[in-house]
Amino acid sequence: MPAIGYVTRDGRSFKGQLRTLSIRAEIEIAPNTRKTSEAQPDYRVSSGGVEVGAGWLRRSESSGNDYVSLSLAAPEFGPRRLYANLGRAAGHDDEDAFAIIWNPAD
């Protein structure tokens, strides 16, 4: 699956850019400090101060590695949600480099 963005770890948050053919947006994936139940997301995704999505901590069944499952929604994406996974960026030496990998729902 193609990467639709790259972020770097900034403390407990991740900051970088979401990039598709029609969208270039600075984003921040920050811990949900108001989480009170397991049903609520572990992360909130925002761009320019506007919340555009959420993320949940997951563990890969095959590798056992942790990743963040993202769900993004904004008028620019059209009527459907954009699903992606946040994980270590392959081929990067920087331990704080992460890729946003598109995960089509279909």
N, C-alpha and C. Protein backbone atom coordinates (compact mmCIF):
# COMPACT_ATOMS: atom_id res chain seq x y z
N MET A 1 0.83 -1.18 0.00
CA MET A 1 0.00 0.00 0.00
C MET A 1 0.88 1.25 0.00
N PRO A 2 0.43 2.28 -0.67
CA PRO A 2 1.24 3.49 -0.77
C PRO A 2 1.17 4.35 0.49
N ALA A 3 2.28 5.02 0.77
CA ALA A 3 2.32 5.98 1.86
C ALA A 3 1.62 7.26 1.40
N ILE A 4 0.72 7.77 2.23
CA ILE A 4 0.04 9.03 1.90
C ILE A 4 0.49 10.14 2.84
N GLY A 5 1.58 9.90 3.54
CA GLY A 5 2.13 10.92 4.41
C GLY A 5 3.24 10.37 5.27
N TYR A 6 3.99 11.29 5.83
CA TYR A 6 5.06 10.94 6.75
C TYR A 6 5.01 11.90 7.93
N VAL A 7 5.27 11.36 9.11
CA VAL A 7 5.30 12.16 10.33
C VAL A 7 6.51 11.74 11.14
N THR A 8 6.89 12.59 12.07
CA THR A 8 7.95 12.26 13.01
C THR A 8 7.39 12.38 14.41
N ARG A 9 7.96 11.57 15.29
CA ARG A 9 7.53 11.62 16.69
C ARG A 9 8.03 12.91 17.30
N ASP A 10 7.14 13.59 18.01
CA ASP A 10 7.45 14.84 18.70
C ASP A 10 6.92 14.69 20.12
N GLY A 11 7.73 14.11 21.01
CA GLY A 11 7.24 13.79 22.34
C GLY A 11 6.30 12.61 22.24
N ARG A 12 5.07 12.79 22.69
CA ARG A 12 4.06 11.73 22.59
C ARG A 12 3.19 11.89 21.35
N SER A 13 3.37 12.99 20.61
CA SER A 13 2.60 13.27 19.41
C SER A 13 3.42 12.94 18.17
N PHE A 14 2.75 13.00 17.02
CA PHE A 14 3.40 12.83 15.73
C PHE A 14 3.02 14.04 14.88
N LYS A 15 3.99 14.63 14.20
CA LYS A 15 3.71 15.80 13.35
C LYS A 15 4.34 15.59 11.99
N GLY A 16 3.62 16.03 10.96
CA GLY A 16 4.14 15.88 9.61
C GLY A 16 3.13 16.33 8.59
N GLN A 17 3.08 15.62 7.47
CA GLN A 17 2.23 16.05 6.37
C GLN A 17 1.48 14.88 5.76
N LEU A 18 0.19 15.10 5.51
CA LEU A 18 -0.65 14.19 4.75
C LEU A 18 -0.56 14.65 3.31
N ARG A 19 -0.22 13.72 2.38
CA ARG A 19 -0.05 14.12 0.98
C ARG A 19 -0.70 13.11 0.06
N THR A 20 -1.68 13.59 -0.70
CA THR A 20 -2.30 12.79 -1.75
C THR A 20 -2.21 13.62 -3.03
N LEU A 21 -2.83 13.14 -4.10
CA LEU A 21 -2.78 13.90 -5.36
C LEU A 21 -3.41 15.28 -5.23
N SER A 22 -4.45 15.38 -4.38
CA SER A 22 -5.15 16.67 -4.28
C SER A 22 -5.01 17.35 -2.92
N ILE A 23 -4.37 16.71 -1.96
CA ILE A 23 -4.30 17.27 -0.60
C ILE A 23 -2.85 17.34 -0.13
N ARG A 24 -2.49 18.48 0.40
CA ARG A 24 -1.21 18.67 1.10
C ARG A 24 -1.56 19.41 2.39
N ALA A 25 -1.49 18.70 3.50
CA ALA A 25 -1.92 19.30 4.77
C ALA A 25 -0.98 18.90 5.90
N GLU A 26 -0.61 19.89 6.70
CA GLU A 26 0.15 19.61 7.92
C GLU A 26 -0.81 18.96 8.90
N ILE A 27 -0.37 17.88 9.54
CA ILE A 27 -1.23 17.21 10.50
C ILE A 27 -0.48 16.94 11.80
N GLU A 28 -1.27 16.75 12.84
CA GLU A 28 -0.73 16.34 14.13
C GLU A 28 -1.59 15.20 14.65
N ILE A 29 -0.94 14.15 15.10
CA ILE A 29 -1.61 13.00 15.70
C ILE A 29 -1.21 13.04 17.17
N ALA A 30 -2.14 13.46 18.02
CA ALA A 30 -1.83 13.70 19.44
C ALA A 30 -2.63 12.75 20.33
N PRO A 31 -2.05 12.36 21.46
CA PRO A 31 -2.78 11.49 22.39
C PRO A 31 -4.10 12.13 22.83
N ASN A 32 -5.11 11.29 22.97
CA ASN A 32 -6.41 11.74 23.44
C ASN A 32 -6.37 11.80 24.96
N THR A 33 -6.09 12.96 25.48
CA THR A 33 -5.95 13.12 26.93
C THR A 33 -7.28 13.05 27.66
N ARG A 34 -8.39 13.06 26.92
CA ARG A 34 -9.72 13.00 27.54
C ARG A 34 -10.35 11.61 27.44
N LYS A 35 -9.58 10.61 27.07
CA LYS A 35 -10.10 9.26 26.92
C LYS A 35 -10.55 8.73 28.28
N THR A 36 -11.82 8.26 28.34
CA THR A 36 -12.35 7.73 29.59
C THR A 36 -12.87 6.30 29.44
N SER A 37 -12.87 5.76 28.20
CA SER A 37 -13.33 4.38 28.00
C SER A 37 -12.58 3.77 26.82
N GLU A 38 -12.60 2.46 26.75
CA GLU A 38 -11.90 1.75 25.67
C GLU A 38 -12.50 2.04 24.30
N ALA A 39 -13.76 2.45 24.24
CA ALA A 39 -14.41 2.75 22.97
C ALA A 39 -13.90 4.05 22.35
N GLN A 40 -13.33 4.92 23.16
CA GLN A 40 -12.84 6.20 22.65
C GLN A 40 -11.45 6.02 22.02
N PRO A 41 -11.11 6.88 21.05
CA PRO A 41 -9.81 6.75 20.38
C PRO A 41 -8.64 7.08 21.30
N ASP A 42 -7.50 6.48 20.98
CA ASP A 42 -6.26 6.74 21.72
C ASP A 42 -5.60 8.03 21.24
N TYR A 43 -5.88 8.43 19.99
CA TYR A 43 -5.29 9.63 19.40
C TYR A 43 -6.36 10.46 18.70
N ARG A 44 -6.11 11.75 18.61
CA ARG A 44 -6.92 12.68 17.82
C ARG A 44 -6.03 13.22 16.71
N VAL A 45 -6.58 13.33 15.51
CA VAL A 45 -5.83 13.83 14.36
C VAL A 45 -6.39 15.20 14.00
N SER A 46 -5.50 16.19 13.89
CA SER A 46 -5.95 17.54 13.54
C SER A 46 -5.06 18.15 12.47
N SER A 47 -5.64 19.11 11.78
CA SER A 47 -4.94 19.87 10.75
C SER A 47 -5.39 21.31 10.85
N GLY A 48 -4.46 22.20 11.09
CA GLY A 48 -4.80 23.61 11.21
C GLY A 48 -5.78 23.89 12.33
N GLY A 49 -5.71 23.11 13.41
CA GLY A 49 -6.60 23.32 14.54
C GLY A 49 -7.97 22.67 14.38
N VAL A 50 -8.21 21.98 13.27
CA VAL A 50 -9.48 21.32 13.00
C VAL A 50 -9.30 19.82 13.15
N GLU A 51 -10.15 19.17 13.94
CA GLU A 51 -10.05 17.72 14.09
C GLU A 51 -10.55 17.05 12.82
N VAL A 52 -9.71 16.17 12.26
CA VAL A 52 -10.06 15.48 11.01
C VAL A 52 -10.06 13.96 11.16
N GLY A 53 -9.79 13.47 12.36
CA GLY A 53 -9.80 12.03 12.51
C GLY A 53 -9.40 11.57 13.90
N ALA A 54 -9.26 10.26 13.99
CA ALA A 54 -8.92 9.63 15.26
C ALA A 54 -8.06 8.40 14.99
N GLY A 55 -7.40 7.92 16.04
CA GLY A 55 -6.54 6.75 15.90
C GLY A 55 -6.64 5.84 17.11
N TRP A 56 -6.50 4.54 16.86
CA TRP A 56 -6.57 3.53 17.90
C TRP A 56 -5.30 2.69 17.88
N LEU A 57 -4.74 2.43 19.05
CA LEU A 57 -3.57 1.57 19.16
C LEU A 57 -3.97 0.14 18.83
N ARG A 58 -3.17 -0.52 18.00
CA ARG A 58 -3.41 -1.90 17.60
C ARG A 58 -2.09 -2.66 17.65
N ARG A 59 -2.16 -3.98 17.67
CA ARG A 59 -0.97 -4.82 17.61
C ARG A 59 -1.13 -5.78 16.44
N SER A 60 -0.10 -5.82 15.59
CA SER A 60 -0.12 -6.71 14.43
C SER A 60 -0.11 -8.17 14.88
N GLU A 61 -1.03 -8.97 14.34
CA GLU A 61 -1.08 -10.39 14.70
C GLU A 61 0.13 -11.13 14.14
N SER A 62 0.60 -10.72 12.96
CA SER A 62 1.71 -11.44 12.34
C SER A 62 3.07 -11.09 12.93
N SER A 63 3.32 -9.80 13.17
CA SER A 63 4.65 -9.39 13.65
C SER A 63 4.70 -9.08 15.13
N GLY A 64 3.55 -8.80 15.73
CA GLY A 64 3.51 -8.42 17.13
C GLY A 64 3.88 -6.97 17.37
N ASN A 65 4.12 -6.21 16.29
CA ASN A 65 4.48 -4.79 16.42
C ASN A 65 3.22 -3.94 16.63
N ASP A 66 3.40 -2.86 17.40
CA ASP A 66 2.31 -1.92 17.62
C ASP A 66 2.23 -0.94 16.45
N TYR A 67 1.01 -0.49 16.16
CA TYR A 67 0.78 0.55 15.16
C TYR A 67 -0.48 1.31 15.56
N VAL A 68 -0.78 2.39 14.85
CA VAL A 68 -1.98 3.17 15.11
C VAL A 68 -2.88 3.06 13.88
N SER A 69 -4.11 2.62 14.07
CA SER A 69 -5.10 2.55 13.01
C SER A 69 -5.83 3.89 12.96
N LEU A 70 -5.78 4.56 11.80
CA LEU A 70 -6.35 5.90 11.66
C LEU A 70 -7.64 5.89 10.85
N SER A 71 -8.56 6.73 11.23
CA SER A 71 -9.78 6.99 10.47
C SER A 71 -9.86 8.50 10.28
N LEU A 72 -9.87 8.94 9.02
CA LEU A 72 -9.85 10.37 8.71
C LEU A 72 -11.10 10.74 7.92
N ALA A 73 -11.65 11.91 8.21
CA ALA A 73 -12.83 12.40 7.49
C ALA A 73 -12.76 13.91 7.40
N ALA A 74 -12.99 14.42 6.20
CA ALA A 74 -13.04 15.87 5.96
C ALA A 74 -13.75 16.09 4.62
N PRO A 75 -14.35 17.24 4.41
CA PRO A 75 -15.02 17.50 3.14
C PRO A 75 -14.11 17.26 1.93
N GLU A 76 -12.84 17.53 2.08
CA GLU A 76 -11.89 17.35 0.97
C GLU A 76 -11.76 15.88 0.55
N PHE A 77 -12.09 14.96 1.44
CA PHE A 77 -12.01 13.53 1.13
C PHE A 77 -13.27 13.02 0.45
N GLY A 78 -14.29 13.85 0.34
CA GLY A 78 -15.55 13.40 -0.24
C GLY A 78 -16.40 12.74 0.84
N PRO A 79 -17.42 11.98 0.42
CA PRO A 79 -18.37 11.41 1.38
C PRO A 79 -17.85 10.22 2.17
N ARG A 80 -16.68 9.71 1.84
CA ARG A 80 -16.18 8.50 2.51
C ARG A 80 -15.03 8.83 3.45
N ARG A 81 -14.84 7.96 4.42
CA ARG A 81 -13.71 8.06 5.33
C ARG A 81 -12.46 7.52 4.65
N LEU A 82 -11.33 8.04 5.07
CA LEU A 82 -10.03 7.56 4.60
C LEU A 82 -9.43 6.76 5.75
N TYR A 83 -9.07 5.51 5.49
CA TYR A 83 -8.47 4.66 6.51
C TYR A 83 -6.98 4.48 6.22
N ALA A 84 -6.19 4.51 7.28
CA ALA A 84 -4.74 4.37 7.13
C ALA A 84 -4.15 3.79 8.41
N ASN A 85 -2.93 3.31 8.30
CA ASN A 85 -2.20 2.82 9.46
C ASN A 85 -0.93 3.64 9.63
N LEU A 86 -0.61 3.95 10.85
CA LEU A 86 0.61 4.67 11.16
C LEU A 86 1.60 3.68 11.75
N GLY A 87 2.75 3.53 11.08
CA GLY A 87 3.77 2.61 11.55
C GLY A 87 5.14 3.10 11.16
N ARG A 88 6.15 2.40 11.60
CA ARG A 88 7.54 2.78 11.28
C ARG A 88 7.71 2.88 9.77
N ALA A 89 8.42 3.92 9.34
CA ALA A 89 8.67 4.13 7.92
C ALA A 89 9.79 3.20 7.45
N ALA A 90 9.49 2.34 6.51
CA ALA A 90 10.48 1.41 5.98
C ALA A 90 11.59 2.17 5.26
N GLY A 91 12.80 1.73 5.44
CA GLY A 91 13.92 2.33 4.75
C GLY A 91 14.45 3.61 5.36
N HIS A 92 13.92 3.99 6.51
CA HIS A 92 14.38 5.20 7.20
C HIS A 92 15.22 4.79 8.40
N ASP A 93 16.39 5.41 8.55
CA ASP A 93 17.26 5.12 9.68
C ASP A 93 16.77 5.79 10.96
N ASP A 94 16.00 6.85 10.82
CA ASP A 94 15.51 7.61 11.97
C ASP A 94 14.42 6.83 12.69
N GLU A 95 14.62 6.51 13.97
CA GLU A 95 13.64 5.77 14.75
C GLU A 95 12.35 6.55 14.97
N ASP A 96 12.39 7.86 14.77
CA ASP A 96 11.21 8.70 14.96
C ASP A 96 10.46 8.97 13.66
N ALA A 97 10.82 8.28 12.56
CA ALA A 97 10.15 8.46 11.27
C ALA A 97 9.04 7.43 11.11
N PHE A 98 7.84 7.91 10.81
CA PHE A 98 6.67 7.04 10.65
C PHE A 98 5.97 7.37 9.34
N ALA A 99 5.36 6.35 8.74
CA ALA A 99 4.62 6.51 7.48
C ALA A 99 3.13 6.33 7.76
N ILE A 100 2.31 7.08 7.03
CA ILE A 100 0.87 6.91 7.05
C ILE A 100 0.55 6.11 5.80
N ILE A 101 0.16 4.86 5.99
CA ILE A 101 -0.07 3.92 4.88
C ILE A 101 -1.56 3.80 4.63
N TRP A 102 -1.95 4.15 3.41
CA TRP A 102 -3.36 4.09 3.01
C TRP A 102 -3.85 2.65 3.13
N ASN A 103 -5.05 2.50 3.68
CA ASN A 103 -5.66 1.19 3.88
C ASN A 103 -7.07 1.27 3.33
N PRO A 104 -7.24 1.04 2.01
CA PRO A 104 -8.58 1.20 1.42
C PRO A 104 -9.59 0.26 2.07
N ALA A 105 -10.78 0.77 2.30
CA ALA A 105 -11.84 -0.02 2.95
C ALA A 105 -12.40 -1.07 2.01
N ASP A 106 -12.30 -0.87 0.73
CA ASP A 106 -12.89 -1.81 -0.25
C ASP A 106 -12.01 -3.01 -0.47
